[in-house]
């Protein structure tokens, strides 16, 4: 069974995989805002899984998550650290814009008008890469079979 940190790590990762599947399904349907939303969720949960695997509580689900992740993994991830942190930053622009109408230069914009296919493709690619980093890390820690 393991510690509750290990259980949280496995559960966060399992939920990340569910969000990847949701993003892929939304892409097939052409619902690009949903792709971005679920891809962002997958990235966040994969990162949270890695943090929990380090036996540290996830303190924040927003911008501070990148700082916590960087602090914990700066010595061991190399280029993957940059990939994860850059992806967390990239998704900040879309966190609410993929779900709610917003004001942009005096015009009310819907998520469907703002998020195009190319953005959804990039979101999917980023989430797959980050989830892959998390999976590899959790496997090396013996948390995934």
N, C-alpha and C. Protein backbone atom coordinates (compact mmCIF):
# COMPACT_ATOMS: atom_id res chain seq x y z
N UNK A 1 0.82 -1.20 0.00
CA UNK A 1 0.00 0.00 0.00
C UNK A 1 0.86 1.26 0.00
N UNK A 2 1.70 1.46 0.99
CA UNK A 2 2.58 2.62 1.02
C UNK A 2 2.03 3.75 1.86
N UNK A 3 2.77 4.83 1.87
CA UNK A 3 2.37 6.01 2.64
C UNK A 3 1.26 6.76 1.93
N UNK A 4 0.63 7.65 2.65
CA UNK A 4 -0.42 8.45 2.00
C UNK A 4 0.18 9.34 0.92
N UNK A 5 1.45 9.75 1.05
CA UNK A 5 2.09 10.51 -0.03
C UNK A 5 2.14 9.67 -1.31
N UNK A 6 2.53 8.41 -1.15
CA UNK A 6 2.61 7.52 -2.32
C UNK A 6 1.23 7.29 -2.92
N UNK A 7 0.23 7.14 -2.07
CA UNK A 7 -1.13 6.96 -2.57
C UNK A 7 -1.62 8.21 -3.31
N UNK A 8 -1.32 9.38 -2.74
CA UNK A 8 -1.67 10.62 -3.44
C UNK A 8 -0.95 10.69 -4.78
N UNK A 9 0.33 10.34 -4.81
CA UNK A 9 1.10 10.38 -6.06
C UNK A 9 0.43 9.50 -7.12
N UNK A 10 0.09 8.28 -6.73
CA UNK A 10 -0.56 7.36 -7.69
C UNK A 10 -1.92 7.90 -8.14
N UNK A 11 -2.68 8.44 -7.20
CA UNK A 11 -4.02 8.94 -7.54
C UNK A 11 -3.94 10.18 -8.43
N UNK A 12 -3.03 11.10 -8.10
CA UNK A 12 -2.86 12.28 -8.96
C UNK A 12 -2.47 11.84 -10.37
N UNK A 13 -1.56 10.87 -10.46
CA UNK A 13 -1.14 10.42 -11.78
C UNK A 13 -2.28 9.74 -12.53
N UNK A 14 -3.05 8.93 -11.84
CA UNK A 14 -4.20 8.28 -12.47
C UNK A 14 -5.18 9.32 -13.00
N UNK A 15 -5.43 10.36 -12.23
CA UNK A 15 -6.33 11.43 -12.69
C UNK A 15 -5.72 12.19 -13.87
N UNK A 16 -4.40 12.35 -13.87
CA UNK A 16 -3.73 13.01 -15.00
C UNK A 16 -3.98 12.21 -16.28
N UNK A 17 -3.87 10.89 -16.19
CA UNK A 17 -4.13 10.05 -17.37
C UNK A 17 -5.57 10.17 -17.85
N UNK A 18 -6.51 10.27 -16.91
CA UNK A 18 -7.91 10.46 -17.29
C UNK A 18 -8.08 11.79 -18.03
N UNK A 19 -7.38 12.83 -17.56
CA UNK A 19 -7.48 14.12 -18.24
C UNK A 19 -6.84 14.09 -19.62
N UNK A 20 -5.78 13.33 -19.80
CA UNK A 20 -5.19 13.18 -21.13
C UNK A 20 -6.23 12.56 -22.07
N UNK A 21 -6.90 11.51 -21.62
CA UNK A 21 -7.92 10.86 -22.45
C UNK A 21 -9.07 11.82 -22.75
N UNK A 22 -9.45 12.62 -21.77
CA UNK A 22 -10.52 13.61 -22.00
C UNK A 22 -10.08 14.63 -23.05
N UNK A 23 -8.84 15.08 -22.95
CA UNK A 23 -8.31 16.05 -23.92
C UNK A 23 -8.28 15.45 -25.31
N UNK A 24 -7.84 14.21 -25.42
CA UNK A 24 -7.79 13.56 -26.73
C UNK A 24 -9.19 13.38 -27.32
N UNK A 25 -10.15 13.02 -26.47
CA UNK A 25 -11.53 12.89 -26.93
C UNK A 25 -12.09 14.22 -27.42
N UNK A 26 -11.82 15.27 -26.67
CA UNK A 26 -12.30 16.60 -27.06
C UNK A 26 -11.66 17.03 -28.38
N UNK A 27 -10.39 16.66 -28.59
CA UNK A 27 -9.73 17.01 -29.85
C UNK A 27 -10.42 16.34 -31.02
N UNK A 28 -10.76 15.07 -30.86
CA UNK A 28 -11.46 14.34 -31.93
C UNK A 28 -12.80 15.00 -32.26
N UNK A 29 -13.43 15.60 -31.26
CA UNK A 29 -14.72 16.27 -31.46
C UNK A 29 -14.56 17.71 -31.93
N UNK A 30 -13.33 18.22 -31.95
CA UNK A 30 -13.10 19.60 -32.37
C UNK A 30 -13.43 20.63 -31.30
N UNK A 31 -13.52 20.20 -30.07
CA UNK A 31 -13.81 21.11 -28.95
C UNK A 31 -12.48 21.57 -28.36
N UNK A 32 -11.86 22.55 -29.00
CA UNK A 32 -10.50 22.96 -28.65
C UNK A 32 -10.37 23.60 -27.27
N UNK A 33 -11.34 24.38 -26.80
CA UNK A 33 -11.22 24.88 -25.42
C UNK A 33 -11.18 23.73 -24.39
N UNK A 34 -11.98 22.69 -24.63
CA UNK A 34 -11.97 21.54 -23.71
C UNK A 34 -10.65 20.80 -23.76
N UNK A 35 -10.04 20.73 -24.95
CA UNK A 35 -8.73 20.10 -25.08
C UNK A 35 -7.74 20.82 -24.16
N UNK A 36 -7.72 22.13 -24.28
CA UNK A 36 -6.75 22.92 -23.51
C UNK A 36 -7.03 22.79 -22.01
N UNK A 37 -8.29 22.85 -21.63
CA UNK A 37 -8.62 22.72 -20.21
C UNK A 37 -8.14 21.38 -19.65
N UNK A 38 -8.49 20.29 -20.31
CA UNK A 38 -8.11 18.97 -19.79
C UNK A 38 -6.60 18.72 -19.90
N UNK A 39 -5.96 19.27 -20.92
CA UNK A 39 -4.50 19.15 -21.02
C UNK A 39 -3.83 19.89 -19.86
N UNK A 40 -4.34 21.07 -19.54
CA UNK A 40 -3.80 21.83 -18.40
C UNK A 40 -3.99 21.05 -17.11
N UNK A 41 -5.15 20.45 -16.94
CA UNK A 41 -5.41 19.67 -15.75
C UNK A 41 -4.47 18.46 -15.67
N UNK A 42 -4.22 17.82 -16.80
CA UNK A 42 -3.31 16.68 -16.82
C UNK A 42 -1.91 17.09 -16.40
N UNK A 43 -1.45 18.21 -16.90
CA UNK A 43 -0.11 18.70 -16.53
C UNK A 43 -0.04 18.98 -15.04
N UNK A 44 -1.02 19.70 -14.55
CA UNK A 44 -1.03 20.05 -13.13
C UNK A 44 -1.05 18.81 -12.24
N UNK A 45 -1.87 17.85 -12.57
CA UNK A 45 -1.97 16.63 -11.75
C UNK A 45 -0.72 15.77 -11.86
N UNK A 46 -0.10 15.72 -13.03
CA UNK A 46 1.15 14.97 -13.18
C UNK A 46 2.25 15.59 -12.31
N UNK A 47 2.30 16.92 -12.30
CA UNK A 47 3.28 17.63 -11.47
C UNK A 47 2.98 17.38 -9.99
N UNK A 48 1.72 17.43 -9.63
CA UNK A 48 1.35 17.18 -8.24
C UNK A 48 1.71 15.76 -7.82
N UNK A 49 1.58 14.81 -8.73
CA UNK A 49 1.99 13.43 -8.43
C UNK A 49 3.47 13.36 -8.11
N UNK A 50 4.28 14.07 -8.88
CA UNK A 50 5.72 14.05 -8.64
C UNK A 50 6.06 14.72 -7.31
N UNK A 51 5.38 15.80 -7.00
CA UNK A 51 5.63 16.49 -5.73
C UNK A 51 5.25 15.59 -4.55
N UNK A 52 4.11 14.94 -4.64
CA UNK A 52 3.70 14.02 -3.57
C UNK A 52 4.69 12.87 -3.44
N UNK A 53 5.24 12.40 -4.55
CA UNK A 53 6.23 11.32 -4.51
C UNK A 53 7.48 11.73 -3.74
N UNK A 54 7.72 13.02 -3.66
CA UNK A 54 8.85 13.55 -2.88
C UNK A 54 8.49 13.71 -1.39
N UNK A 55 7.28 13.25 -1.05
CA UNK A 55 6.78 13.34 0.33
C UNK A 55 6.61 14.79 0.78
N UNK A 56 6.05 15.55 -0.12
CA UNK A 56 5.73 16.94 0.21
C UNK A 56 4.30 17.21 -0.24
N UNK A 57 3.58 17.92 0.61
CA UNK A 57 2.21 18.28 0.25
C UNK A 57 2.22 19.23 -0.94
N UNK A 58 1.22 19.10 -1.78
CA UNK A 58 1.01 20.07 -2.84
C UNK A 58 0.40 21.30 -2.19
N UNK A 59 1.13 22.41 -2.25
CA UNK A 59 0.71 23.61 -1.54
C UNK A 59 -0.21 24.50 -2.34
N UNK A 60 -0.09 24.48 -3.65
CA UNK A 60 -0.84 25.42 -4.47
C UNK A 60 -1.11 24.77 -5.81
N UNK A 61 -2.27 25.06 -6.33
CA UNK A 61 -2.62 24.51 -7.65
C UNK A 61 -2.46 25.57 -8.74
N UNK A 62 -1.92 26.69 -8.43
CA UNK A 62 -1.79 27.78 -9.39
C UNK A 62 -0.34 28.07 -9.72
N UNK A 63 -0.02 29.33 -9.94
CA UNK A 63 1.32 29.72 -10.36
C UNK A 63 2.44 29.28 -9.41
N UNK A 64 2.17 29.20 -8.13
CA UNK A 64 3.21 28.81 -7.18
C UNK A 64 3.61 27.35 -7.34
N UNK A 65 2.81 26.57 -8.04
CA UNK A 65 3.12 25.17 -8.27
C UNK A 65 4.46 25.02 -9.00
N UNK A 66 4.72 25.89 -9.95
CA UNK A 66 6.00 25.84 -10.69
C UNK A 66 7.18 26.10 -9.77
N UNK A 67 7.02 27.02 -8.83
CA UNK A 67 8.10 27.32 -7.89
C UNK A 67 8.37 26.13 -6.97
N UNK A 68 7.31 25.53 -6.45
CA UNK A 68 7.46 24.37 -5.58
C UNK A 68 8.12 23.23 -6.35
N UNK A 69 7.67 22.99 -7.57
CA UNK A 69 8.23 21.93 -8.39
C UNK A 69 9.72 22.19 -8.68
N UNK A 70 10.05 23.41 -9.06
CA UNK A 70 11.44 23.76 -9.36
C UNK A 70 12.33 23.53 -8.15
N UNK A 71 11.88 23.96 -7.01
CA UNK A 71 12.67 23.81 -5.78
C UNK A 71 12.96 22.34 -5.50
N UNK A 72 11.97 21.49 -5.70
CA UNK A 72 12.12 20.08 -5.37
C UNK A 72 12.91 19.28 -6.40
N UNK A 73 12.89 19.70 -7.66
CA UNK A 73 13.46 18.87 -8.72
C UNK A 73 14.65 19.49 -9.44
N UNK A 74 15.12 20.64 -8.99
CA UNK A 74 16.19 21.34 -9.68
C UNK A 74 17.45 20.48 -9.82
N UNK A 75 17.72 19.63 -8.87
CA UNK A 75 18.95 18.84 -8.89
C UNK A 75 18.85 17.55 -9.70
N UNK A 76 17.64 17.09 -10.00
CA UNK A 76 17.56 15.77 -10.61
C UNK A 76 16.91 15.66 -11.98
N UNK A 77 16.31 16.72 -12.50
CA UNK A 77 15.58 16.55 -13.76
C UNK A 77 16.28 17.06 -15.01
N UNK A 78 17.21 17.95 -14.91
CA UNK A 78 17.88 18.45 -16.11
C UNK A 78 16.93 19.15 -17.06
N UNK A 79 16.99 18.78 -18.35
CA UNK A 79 16.14 19.42 -19.37
C UNK A 79 14.65 19.22 -19.12
N UNK A 80 14.31 18.11 -18.49
CA UNK A 80 12.90 17.86 -18.19
C UNK A 80 12.34 18.89 -17.22
N UNK A 81 13.18 19.42 -16.35
CA UNK A 81 12.72 20.47 -15.44
C UNK A 81 12.23 21.67 -16.24
N UNK A 82 13.03 22.09 -17.22
CA UNK A 82 12.64 23.22 -18.06
C UNK A 82 11.34 22.93 -18.82
N UNK A 83 11.21 21.73 -19.35
CA UNK A 83 10.00 21.35 -20.07
C UNK A 83 8.77 21.49 -19.17
N UNK A 84 8.86 20.97 -17.97
CA UNK A 84 7.71 20.99 -17.06
C UNK A 84 7.39 22.42 -16.64
N UNK A 85 8.40 23.17 -16.22
CA UNK A 85 8.16 24.54 -15.75
C UNK A 85 7.64 25.42 -16.88
N UNK A 86 8.21 25.29 -18.07
CA UNK A 86 7.73 26.07 -19.22
C UNK A 86 6.29 25.70 -19.56
N UNK A 87 5.95 24.44 -19.45
CA UNK A 87 4.58 24.02 -19.75
C UNK A 87 3.60 24.56 -18.72
N UNK A 88 3.98 24.53 -17.45
CA UNK A 88 3.12 25.13 -16.43
C UNK A 88 2.88 26.61 -16.73
N UNK A 89 3.94 27.30 -17.12
CA UNK A 89 3.81 28.72 -17.47
C UNK A 89 2.96 28.93 -18.71
N UNK A 90 3.14 28.10 -19.72
CA UNK A 90 2.38 28.23 -20.96
C UNK A 90 0.88 28.11 -20.68
N UNK A 91 0.51 27.18 -19.83
CA UNK A 91 -0.90 26.96 -19.55
C UNK A 91 -1.53 28.06 -18.71
N UNK A 92 -0.75 28.89 -18.06
CA UNK A 92 -1.32 29.98 -17.25
C UNK A 92 -2.23 30.89 -18.07
N UNK A 93 -1.85 31.15 -19.31
CA UNK A 93 -2.67 32.01 -20.18
C UNK A 93 -4.05 31.41 -20.42
N UNK A 94 -4.12 30.11 -20.44
CA UNK A 94 -5.34 29.43 -20.86
C UNK A 94 -6.16 28.88 -19.70
N UNK A 95 -5.66 29.00 -18.49
CA UNK A 95 -6.33 28.37 -17.35
C UNK A 95 -7.80 28.76 -17.26
N UNK A 96 -8.10 30.04 -17.32
CA UNK A 96 -9.51 30.46 -17.29
C UNK A 96 -10.04 30.75 -18.69
N UNK A 97 -9.18 31.11 -19.61
CA UNK A 97 -9.64 31.45 -20.96
C UNK A 97 -10.15 30.25 -21.73
N UNK A 98 -9.85 29.06 -21.26
CA UNK A 98 -10.39 27.87 -21.92
C UNK A 98 -11.79 27.53 -21.40
N UNK A 99 -12.24 28.23 -20.34
CA UNK A 99 -13.52 27.88 -19.72
C UNK A 99 -14.54 29.01 -19.69
N UNK A 100 -14.07 30.25 -19.65
CA UNK A 100 -15.00 31.36 -19.43
C UNK A 100 -14.80 32.47 -20.47
N UNK A 101 -15.89 33.18 -20.83
CA UNK A 101 -15.72 34.38 -21.65
C UNK A 101 -14.86 35.39 -20.90
N UNK A 102 -14.13 36.21 -21.65
CA UNK A 102 -13.25 37.19 -21.03
C UNK A 102 -13.16 38.43 -21.91
N UNK A 103 -12.62 39.48 -21.32
CA UNK A 103 -12.48 40.75 -22.01
C UNK A 103 -11.07 40.85 -22.58
N UNK A 104 -10.98 41.16 -23.87
CA UNK A 104 -9.68 41.32 -24.54
C UNK A 104 -9.76 42.56 -25.43
N UNK A 105 -8.99 43.58 -25.07
CA UNK A 105 -8.96 44.84 -25.82
C UNK A 105 -10.36 45.40 -26.06
N UNK A 106 -11.19 45.38 -25.03
CA UNK A 106 -12.52 45.96 -25.11
C UNK A 106 -13.58 45.07 -25.73
N UNK A 107 -13.22 43.85 -26.11
CA UNK A 107 -14.19 42.93 -26.72
C UNK A 107 -14.35 41.70 -25.84
N UNK A 108 -15.59 41.26 -25.67
CA UNK A 108 -15.86 40.04 -24.93
C UNK A 108 -15.61 38.86 -25.88
N UNK A 109 -14.73 37.96 -25.45
CA UNK A 109 -14.29 36.84 -26.29
C UNK A 109 -14.74 35.53 -25.64
N UNK A 110 -15.23 34.62 -26.44
CA UNK A 110 -15.58 33.29 -25.94
C UNK A 110 -14.36 32.37 -26.05
N UNK A 111 -14.32 31.33 -25.23
CA UNK A 111 -13.21 30.39 -25.34
C UNK A 111 -13.08 29.80 -26.75
N UNK A 112 -14.20 29.50 -27.38
CA UNK A 112 -14.17 28.91 -28.72
C UNK A 112 -13.61 29.84 -29.78
N UNK A 113 -13.75 31.13 -29.55
CA UNK A 113 -13.20 32.10 -30.50
C UNK A 113 -11.70 32.31 -30.27
N UNK A 114 -11.27 32.13 -29.05
CA UNK A 114 -9.87 32.41 -28.68
C UNK A 114 -8.94 31.22 -28.92
N UNK A 115 -9.44 30.02 -28.64
CA UNK A 115 -8.58 28.83 -28.70
C UNK A 115 -8.83 28.10 -30.02
N UNK A 116 -7.79 28.05 -30.82
CA UNK A 116 -7.87 27.43 -32.14
C UNK A 116 -7.23 26.05 -32.12
N UNK A 117 -7.36 25.36 -33.23
CA UNK A 117 -6.81 24.01 -33.36
C UNK A 117 -5.31 23.96 -33.04
N UNK A 118 -4.55 24.92 -33.52
CA UNK A 118 -3.10 24.90 -33.29
C UNK A 118 -2.76 25.01 -31.79
N UNK A 119 -3.55 25.79 -31.07
CA UNK A 119 -3.34 25.91 -29.62
C UNK A 119 -3.68 24.58 -28.95
N UNK A 120 -4.75 23.95 -29.38
CA UNK A 120 -5.14 22.65 -28.82
C UNK A 120 -4.07 21.59 -29.11
N UNK A 121 -3.50 21.62 -30.31
CA UNK A 121 -2.43 20.67 -30.65
C UNK A 121 -1.22 20.86 -29.75
N UNK A 122 -0.85 22.12 -29.53
CA UNK A 122 0.29 22.38 -28.65
C UNK A 122 -0.02 21.96 -27.22
N UNK A 123 -1.23 22.21 -26.76
CA UNK A 123 -1.63 21.80 -25.41
C UNK A 123 -1.52 20.29 -25.25
N UNK A 124 -2.00 19.55 -26.24
CA UNK A 124 -1.92 18.09 -26.19
C UNK A 124 -0.48 17.61 -26.17
N UNK A 125 0.34 18.19 -27.01
CA UNK A 125 1.75 17.79 -27.06
C UNK A 125 2.43 18.07 -25.73
N UNK A 126 2.20 19.24 -25.17
CA UNK A 126 2.81 19.59 -23.88
C UNK A 126 2.34 18.64 -22.78
N UNK A 127 1.05 18.36 -22.75
CA UNK A 127 0.56 17.50 -21.67
C UNK A 127 1.10 16.08 -21.82
N UNK A 128 1.19 15.57 -23.03
CA UNK A 128 1.74 14.22 -23.22
C UNK A 128 3.19 14.15 -22.76
N UNK A 129 3.96 15.18 -23.07
CA UNK A 129 5.37 15.18 -22.68
C UNK A 129 5.53 15.28 -21.17
N UNK A 130 4.76 16.14 -20.53
CA UNK A 130 4.86 16.29 -19.07
C UNK A 130 4.39 15.02 -18.37
N UNK A 131 3.30 14.44 -18.83
CA UNK A 131 2.81 13.21 -18.23
C UNK A 131 3.84 12.09 -18.41
N UNK A 132 4.52 12.07 -19.53
CA UNK A 132 5.58 11.09 -19.77
C UNK A 132 6.73 11.27 -18.77
N UNK A 133 7.12 12.50 -18.52
CA UNK A 133 8.17 12.79 -17.52
C UNK A 133 7.73 12.28 -16.16
N UNK A 134 6.49 12.57 -15.80
CA UNK A 134 5.97 12.13 -14.50
C UNK A 134 5.93 10.61 -14.42
N UNK A 135 5.48 9.97 -15.48
CA UNK A 135 5.40 8.51 -15.47
C UNK A 135 6.78 7.89 -15.28
N UNK A 136 7.76 8.39 -16.01
CA UNK A 136 9.12 7.87 -15.87
C UNK A 136 9.64 8.07 -14.45
N UNK A 137 9.41 9.25 -13.90
CA UNK A 137 9.88 9.53 -12.54
C UNK A 137 9.20 8.60 -11.52
N UNK A 138 7.88 8.46 -11.62
CA UNK A 138 7.16 7.62 -10.67
C UNK A 138 7.55 6.15 -10.81
N UNK A 139 7.86 5.72 -12.01
CA UNK A 139 8.34 4.34 -12.20
C UNK A 139 9.69 4.14 -11.53
N UNK A 140 10.58 5.13 -11.68
CA UNK A 140 11.90 4.97 -11.05
C UNK A 140 11.79 4.93 -9.52
N UNK A 141 10.75 5.52 -8.98
CA UNK A 141 10.52 5.52 -7.53
C UNK A 141 9.72 4.28 -7.09
N UNK A 142 9.36 3.42 -8.04
CA UNK A 142 8.62 2.21 -7.71
C UNK A 142 7.16 2.44 -7.39
N UNK A 143 6.61 3.57 -7.84
CA UNK A 143 5.22 3.90 -7.51
C UNK A 143 4.24 3.45 -8.59
N UNK A 144 4.74 3.10 -9.76
CA UNK A 144 3.89 2.59 -10.84
C UNK A 144 4.44 1.25 -11.30
N UNK A 145 3.54 0.42 -11.73
CA UNK A 145 3.97 -0.90 -12.24
C UNK A 145 4.10 -0.86 -13.74
